[in-house]
C-alpha atoms as a PDB file:
ATOM      1  CA  MET A   1     -88.224 110.199  76.477  1.00  0.00           C
ATOM      2  CA  LEU A   2     -87.307 106.648  77.419  1.00  0.00           C
ATOM      3  CA  VAL A   3     -88.364 104.275  74.280  1.00  0.00           C
ATOM      4  CA  LEU A   4     -87.868 100.472  75.512  1.00  0.00           C
ATOM      5  CA  VAL A   5     -87.277  97.928  73.091  1.00  0.00           C
ATOM      6  CA  VAL A   6     -88.572  94.675  74.255  1.00  0.00           C
ATOM      7  CA  GLY A   7     -89.655  91.340  72.553  1.00  0.00           C
ATOM      8  CA  PRO A   8     -88.614  87.725  72.685  1.00  0.00           C
ATOM      9  CA  SER A   9     -85.259  86.195  71.982  1.00  0.00           C
ATOM     10  CA  GLY A  10     -84.639  86.091  68.311  1.00  0.00           C
ATOM     11  CA  ALA A  11     -87.226  88.858  67.340  1.00  0.00           C
ATOM     12  CA  GLY A  12     -84.089  90.987  66.536  1.00  0.00           C
ATOM     13  CA  LYS A  13     -84.254  93.568  68.729  1.00  0.00           C
ATOM     14  CA  ASP A  14     -80.391  94.032  68.687  1.00  0.00           C
ATOM     15  CA  THR A  15     -80.197  94.015  64.961  1.00  0.00           C
ATOM     16  CA  LEU A  16     -83.047  96.976  64.545  1.00  0.00           C
ATOM     17  CA  ILE A  17     -81.193  99.190  67.249  1.00  0.00           C
ATOM     18  CA  ASN A  18     -78.027  98.823  65.896  1.00  0.00           C
ATOM     19  CA  ALA A  19     -79.334  99.983  62.412  1.00  0.00           C
ATOM     20  CA  ALA A  20     -81.127 102.810  63.907  1.00  0.00           C
ATOM     21  CA  LYS A  21     -77.943 103.897  65.687  1.00  0.00           C
ATOM     22  CA  ALA A  22     -76.033 104.093  62.477  1.00  0.00           C
ATOM     23  CA  ALA A  23     -78.863 105.737  60.572  1.00  0.00           C
ATOM     24  CA  LEU A  24     -79.431 108.411  63.114  1.00  0.00           C
ATOM     25  CA  ALA A  25     -75.828 109.225  63.817  1.00  0.00           C
ATOM     26  CA  GLY A  26     -75.949 112.515  63.138  1.00  0.00           C
ATOM     27  CA  ASP A  27     -79.268 113.085  64.776  1.00  0.00           C
ATOM     28  CA  ASP A  28     -78.484 114.469  68.470  1.00  0.00           C
ATOM     29  CA  ARG A  29     -82.133 113.976  69.658  1.00  0.00           C
ATOM     30  CA  PHE A  30     -81.310 110.402  69.923  1.00  0.00           C
ATOM     31  CA  VAL A  31     -79.070 108.458  72.275  1.00  0.00           C
ATOM     32  CA  PHE A  32     -78.596 104.660  72.074  1.00  0.00           C
ATOM     33  CA  PRO A  33     -76.589 104.253  75.605  1.00  0.00           C
ATOM     34  CA  ARG A  34     -75.305 100.886  76.134  1.00  0.00           C
ATOM     35  CA  ARG A  35     -76.828  98.551  79.036  1.00  0.00           C
ATOM     36  CA  VAL A  36     -74.819  96.719  81.281  1.00  0.00           C
ATOM     37  CA  VAL A  37     -74.987  92.667  81.543  1.00  0.00           C
ATOM     38  CA  THR A  38     -73.773  90.087  83.294  1.00  0.00           C
ATOM     39  CA  ARG A  39     -72.944  87.909  80.133  1.00  0.00           C
ATOM     40  CA  ALA A  40     -70.059  88.567  77.507  1.00  0.00           C
ATOM     41  CA  ALA A  41     -71.533  90.246  74.431  1.00  0.00           C
ATOM     42  CA  ILE A  42     -70.991  88.689  70.827  1.00  0.00           C
ATOM     43  CA  ALA A  43     -69.710  91.584  68.896  1.00  0.00           C
ATOM     44  CA  ALA A  44     -71.496  90.899  65.873  1.00  0.00           C
ATOM     45  CA  LEU A  45     -74.848  90.506  67.769  1.00  0.00           C
ATOM     46  CA  GLU A  46     -75.070  92.612  70.786  1.00  0.00           C
ATOM     47  CA  ASP A  47     -73.746  96.089  72.085  1.00  0.00           C
ATOM     48  CA  HIS A  48     -73.347  95.952  75.732  1.00  0.00           C
ATOM     49  CA  GLU A  49     -70.894  96.337  78.633  1.00  0.00           C
ATOM     50  CA  SER A  50     -70.322  93.009  80.444  1.00  0.00           C
ATOM     51  CA  VAL A  51     -69.591  92.796  83.639  1.00  0.00           C
ATOM     52  CA  THR A  52     -69.413  89.987  86.468  1.00  0.00           C
ATOM     53  CA  PRO A  53     -72.246  89.422  88.727  1.00  0.00           C
ATOM     54  CA  GLU A  54     -70.345  90.988  91.640  1.00  0.00           C
ATOM     55  CA  GLU A  55     -69.408  93.928  89.730  1.00  0.00           C
ATOM     56  CA  PHE A  56     -72.971  94.293  88.419  1.00  0.00           C
ATOM     57  CA  ALA A  57     -74.251  94.166  92.360  1.00  0.00           C
ATOM     58  CA  LEU A  58     -71.600  96.727  93.570  1.00  0.00           C
ATOM     59  CA  GLN A  59     -72.475  99.084  90.391  1.00  0.00           C
ATOM     60  CA  ALA A  60     -76.156  98.955  91.358  1.00  0.00           C
ATOM     61  CA  ALA A  61     -75.356  99.412  95.238  1.00  0.00           C
ATOM     62  CA  ASN A  62     -73.520 102.824  93.920  1.00  0.00           C
ATOM     63  CA  GLY A  63     -76.465 104.012  91.945  1.00  0.00           C
ATOM     64  CA  ALA A  64     -74.705 103.281  88.620  1.00  0.00           C
ATOM     65  CA  TYR A  65     -78.192 102.563  87.116  1.00  0.00           C
ATOM     66  CA  ALA A  66     -81.617 104.450  86.388  1.00  0.00           C
ATOM     67  CA  LEU A  67     -83.067 100.687  86.207  1.00  0.00           C
ATOM     68  CA  SER A  68     -82.039  96.836  86.898  1.00  0.00           C
ATOM     69  CA  TRP A  69     -83.365  93.727  86.451  1.00  0.00           C
ATOM     70  CA  GLU A  70     -82.999  90.170  86.224  1.00  0.00           C
ATOM     71  CA  ALA A  71     -84.129  87.658  83.361  1.00  0.00           C
ATOM     72  CA  HIS A  72     -83.093  84.401  82.123  1.00  0.00           C
ATOM     73  CA  GLY A  73     -80.453  84.279  85.262  1.00  0.00           C
ATOM     74  CA  LEU A  74     -78.819  87.322  84.253  1.00  0.00           C
ATOM     75  CA  SER A  75     -78.420  90.756  85.499  1.00  0.00           C
ATOM     76  CA  TYR A  76     -79.226  93.988  82.941  1.00  0.00           C
ATOM     77  CA  GLY A  77     -78.519  97.818  84.173  1.00  0.00           C
ATOM     78  CA  LEU A  78     -79.746 100.711  82.222  1.00  0.00           C
ATOM     79  CA  PRO A  79     -77.043 103.467  82.867  1.00  0.00           C
ATOM     80  CA  ALA A  80     -78.135 106.378  85.325  1.00  0.00           C
ATOM     81  CA  SER A  81     -76.800 108.846  82.619  1.00  0.00           C
ATOM     82  CA  ILE A  82     -80.219 108.356  80.977  1.00  0.00           C
ATOM     83  CA  ARG A  83     -82.114 110.524  83.044  1.00  0.00           C
ATOM     84  CA  ASP A  84     -79.712 113.490  82.029  1.00  0.00           C
ATOM     85  CA  ASP A  85     -80.513 112.791  78.371  1.00  0.00           C
ATOM     86  CA  ILE A  86     -84.083 112.738  78.784  1.00  0.00           C
ATOM     87  CA  GLY A  87     -83.998 115.664  80.939  1.00  0.00           C
ATOM     88  CA  ALA A  88     -82.420 117.428  77.983  1.00  0.00           C
ATOM     89  CA  GLY A  89     -85.134 116.451  75.818  1.00  0.00           C
ATOM     90  CA  ARG A  90     -83.602 113.378  73.885  1.00  0.00           C
ATOM     91  CA  VAL A  91     -85.071 110.093  72.675  1.00  0.00           C
ATOM     92  CA  VAL A  92     -83.216 107.265  74.623  1.00  0.00           C
ATOM     93  CA  VAL A  93     -83.685 104.164  72.819  1.00  0.00           C
ATOM     94  CA  MET A  94     -82.686 101.185  75.052  1.00  0.00           C
ATOM     95  CA  ASN A  95     -83.116  97.214  74.997  1.00  0.00           C
ATOM     96  CA  GLY A  96     -85.254  96.285  77.772  1.00  0.00           C
ATOM     97  CA  SER A  97     -87.549  93.201  78.767  1.00  0.00           C
ATOM     98  CA  ARG A  98     -90.874  92.939  79.089  1.00  0.00           C
ATOM     99  CA  ALA A  99     -90.719  91.826  82.776  1.00  0.00           C
ATOM    100  CA  MET A 100     -89.488  95.253  83.820  1.00  0.00           C
ATOM    101  CA  VAL A 101     -91.814  97.721  81.420  1.00  0.00           C
ATOM    102  CA  GLY A 102     -93.890  98.276  84.835  1.00  0.00           C
ATOM    103  CA  ALA A 103     -90.827  99.570  86.890  1.00  0.00           C
ATOM    104  CA  ALA A 104     -89.709 101.563  83.691  1.00  0.00           C
ATOM    105  CA  ARG A 105     -93.064 103.362  83.315  1.00  0.00           C
ATOM    106  CA  ASP A 106     -92.854 104.196  87.309  1.00  0.00           C
ATOM    107  CA  ALA A 107     -89.590 105.385  86.874  1.00  0.00           C
ATOM    108  CA  PHE A 108     -89.974 106.942  83.470  1.00  0.00           C
ATOM    109  CA  PRO A 109     -93.616 108.500  83.056  1.00  0.00           C
ATOM    110  CA  GLY A 110     -94.473 109.090  79.331  1.00  0.00           C
ATOM    111  CA  MET A 111     -92.133 106.296  77.789  1.00  0.00           C
ATOM    112  CA  ALA A 112     -92.773 104.416  75.098  1.00  0.00           C
ATOM    113  CA  VAL A 113     -92.988 100.565  74.495  1.00  0.00           C
ATOM    114  CA  VAL A 114     -91.590  99.013  70.941  1.00  0.00           C
ATOM    115  CA  VAL A 115     -92.264  95.426  70.794  1.00  0.00           C
ATOM    116  CA  ILE A 116     -90.173  93.806  67.896  1.00  0.00           C
ATOM    117  CA  GLU A 117     -91.802  90.615  67.089  1.00  0.00           C
ATOM    118  CA  ALA A 118     -91.099  87.669  64.729  1.00  0.00           C
ATOM    119  CA  THR A 119     -92.822  84.204  64.093  1.00  0.00           C
ATOM    120  CA  PRO A 120     -91.331  81.138  66.169  1.00  0.00           C
ATOM    121  CA  GLN A 121     -89.623  79.557  62.819  1.00  0.00           C
ATOM    122  CA  VAL A 122     -87.577  82.953  62.054  1.00  0.00           C
ATOM    123  CA  ARG A 123     -86.778  82.953  65.696  1.00  0.00           C
ATOM    124  CA  ALA A 124     -85.724  79.784  66.080  1.00  0.00           C
ATOM    125  CA  GLN A 125     -83.198  79.876  62.845  1.00  0.00           C
ATOM    126  CA  ARG A 126     -81.980  83.374  64.338  1.00  0.00           C
ATOM    127  CA  LEU A 127     -81.414  81.812  67.786  1.00  0.00           C
ATOM    128  CA  ALA A 128     -79.780  78.540  66.252  1.00  0.00           C
ATOM    129  CA  GLY A 129     -77.495  80.871  64.417  1.00  0.00           C
ATOM    130  CA  ARG A 130     -75.894  82.179  67.804  1.00  0.00           C
ATOM    131  CA  GLY A 131     -74.666  79.036  68.615  1.00  0.00           C
ATOM    132  CA  ARG A 132     -75.351  79.677  72.284  1.00  0.00           C
ATOM    133  CA  GLU A 133     -78.106  77.042  72.735  1.00  0.00           C
ATOM    134  CA  THR A 134     -78.942  73.410  71.553  1.00  0.00           C
ATOM    135  CA  ALA A 135     -82.043  72.877  69.420  1.00  0.00           C
ATOM    136  CA  ALA A 136     -83.259  71.152  72.392  1.00  0.00           C
ATOM    137  CA  GLU A 137     -82.757  74.370  74.758  1.00  0.00           C
ATOM    138  CA  ILE A 138     -84.087  76.719  71.377  1.00  0.00           C
ATOM    139  CA  ALA A 139     -87.386  74.544  71.514  1.00  0.00           C
ATOM    140  CA  GLY A 140     -87.996  75.006  75.241  1.00  0.00           C
ATOM    141  CA  ARG A 141     -87.321  78.380  75.070  1.00  0.00           C
ATOM    142  CA  LEU A 142     -89.943  79.255  72.214  1.00  0.00           C
ATOM    143  CA  ALA A 143     -92.596  77.069  74.035  1.00  0.00           C
ATOM    144  CA  ARG A 144     -91.938  78.725  77.565  1.00  0.00           C
ATOM    145  CA  GLU A 145     -92.625  82.280  76.025  1.00  0.00           C
ATOM    146  CA  VAL A 146     -95.936  84.010  75.841  1.00  0.00           C
ATOM    147  CA  PRO A 147     -96.882  86.849  73.866  1.00  0.00           C
ATOM    148  CA  ALA A 148     -96.452  90.491  75.196  1.00  0.00           C
ATOM    149  CA  ASP A 149     -99.313  91.924  76.717  1.00  0.00           C
ATOM    150  CA  ILE A 150     -98.204  95.563  77.178  1.00  0.00           C
ATOM    151  CA  PRO A 151    -100.834  98.292  77.056  1.00  0.00           C
ATOM    152  CA  ASP A 152    -100.048 101.136  74.324  1.00  0.00           C
ATOM    153  CA  ALA A 153     -97.118  99.331  73.151  1.00  0.00           C
ATOM    154  CA  ILE A 154     -96.123  99.849  69.287  1.00  0.00           C
ATOM    155  CA  SER A 155     -95.480  96.671  67.490  1.00  0.00           C
ATOM    156  CA  VAL A 156     -93.085  96.311  64.740  1.00  0.00           C
ATOM    157  CA  ASP A 157     -93.082  92.731  62.817  1.00  0.00           C
ATOM    158  CA  ASN A 158     -89.673  91.771  62.095  1.00  0.00           C
ATOM    159  CA  SER A 159     -90.428  88.324  60.676  1.00  0.00           C
ATOM    160  CA  GLY A 160     -89.605  89.389  56.994  1.00  0.00           C
ATOM    161  CA  ALA A 161     -86.486  90.774  55.361  1.00  0.00           C
ATOM    162  CA  VAL A 162     -84.346  92.420  57.853  1.00  0.00           C
ATOM    163  CA  ASP A 163     -84.382  95.963  55.686  1.00  0.00           C
ATOM    164  CA  ASP A 164     -88.079  96.182  56.188  1.00  0.00           C
ATOM    165  CA  GLY A 165     -88.452  95.777  60.080  1.00  0.00           C
ATOM    166  CA  ILE A 166     -85.554  98.491  60.072  1.00  0.00           C
ATOM    167  CA  SER A 167     -87.712 100.671  57.975  1.00  0.00           C
ATOM    168  CA  ARG A 168     -90.558 100.377  60.373  1.00  0.00           C
ATOM    169  CA  PHE A 169     -88.305 100.841  63.238  1.00  0.00           C
ATOM    170  CA  LEU A 170     -86.504 104.122  62.242  1.00  0.00           C
ATOM    171  CA  ALA A 171     -90.253 105.486  61.248  1.00  0.00           C
ATOM    172  CA  ILE A 172     -91.616 104.745  64.666  1.00  0.00           C
ATOM    173  CA  LEU A 173     -88.410 106.414  66.232  1.00  0.00           C
ATOM    174  CA  ARG A 174     -88.660 109.606  63.913  1.00  0.00           C
ATOM    175  CA  ALA A 175     -92.263 110.134  64.944  1.00  0.00           C
ATOM    176  CA  PHE A 176     -91.175 110.634  68.819  1.00  0.00           C
ATOM    177  CA  PRO A 177     -90.534 114.223  69.456  1.00  0.00           C
ATOM    178  CA  GLY A 178     -87.196 115.070  70.978  1.00  0.00           C
ATOM    179  CA  ASN A 179     -85.554 118.230  71.786  1.00  0.00           C
END
């Protein structure tokens, strides 16, 4: 099954996914494929394949993505290989976007959505730590965002200690059936 991990910027999605990937490395039920993004990755924060917008469009035209979408002026893609993993009964854990949950559910019936949340204050600190945006841009981003309203989503509050968020996230993942 597909487990789509979504939530606002700074909630800690990549942190929780990376920790789960490390903790579940010996469990072949779980697959953590890299998504493709038209932005350079910050190695300490993100794990994705970076491509130019032109390369992304070419790959999309050639069927490289099971799902693709645009958000924040960037293009994102989930590799077509996830279809084989899901078909083999594995739990595929991917970082997604709230805007593409409907398309993901159409493509992968029975998928699960895990929403990672954190307070605006915690998210502002995390976003500032990335160094990608000014304080004014971060404040604007936080003011624009609306809470996720996704039916049947599982919520993880990642406002506190990172280890607590990781424990909650791992417990959710381990509860999903896999091959």
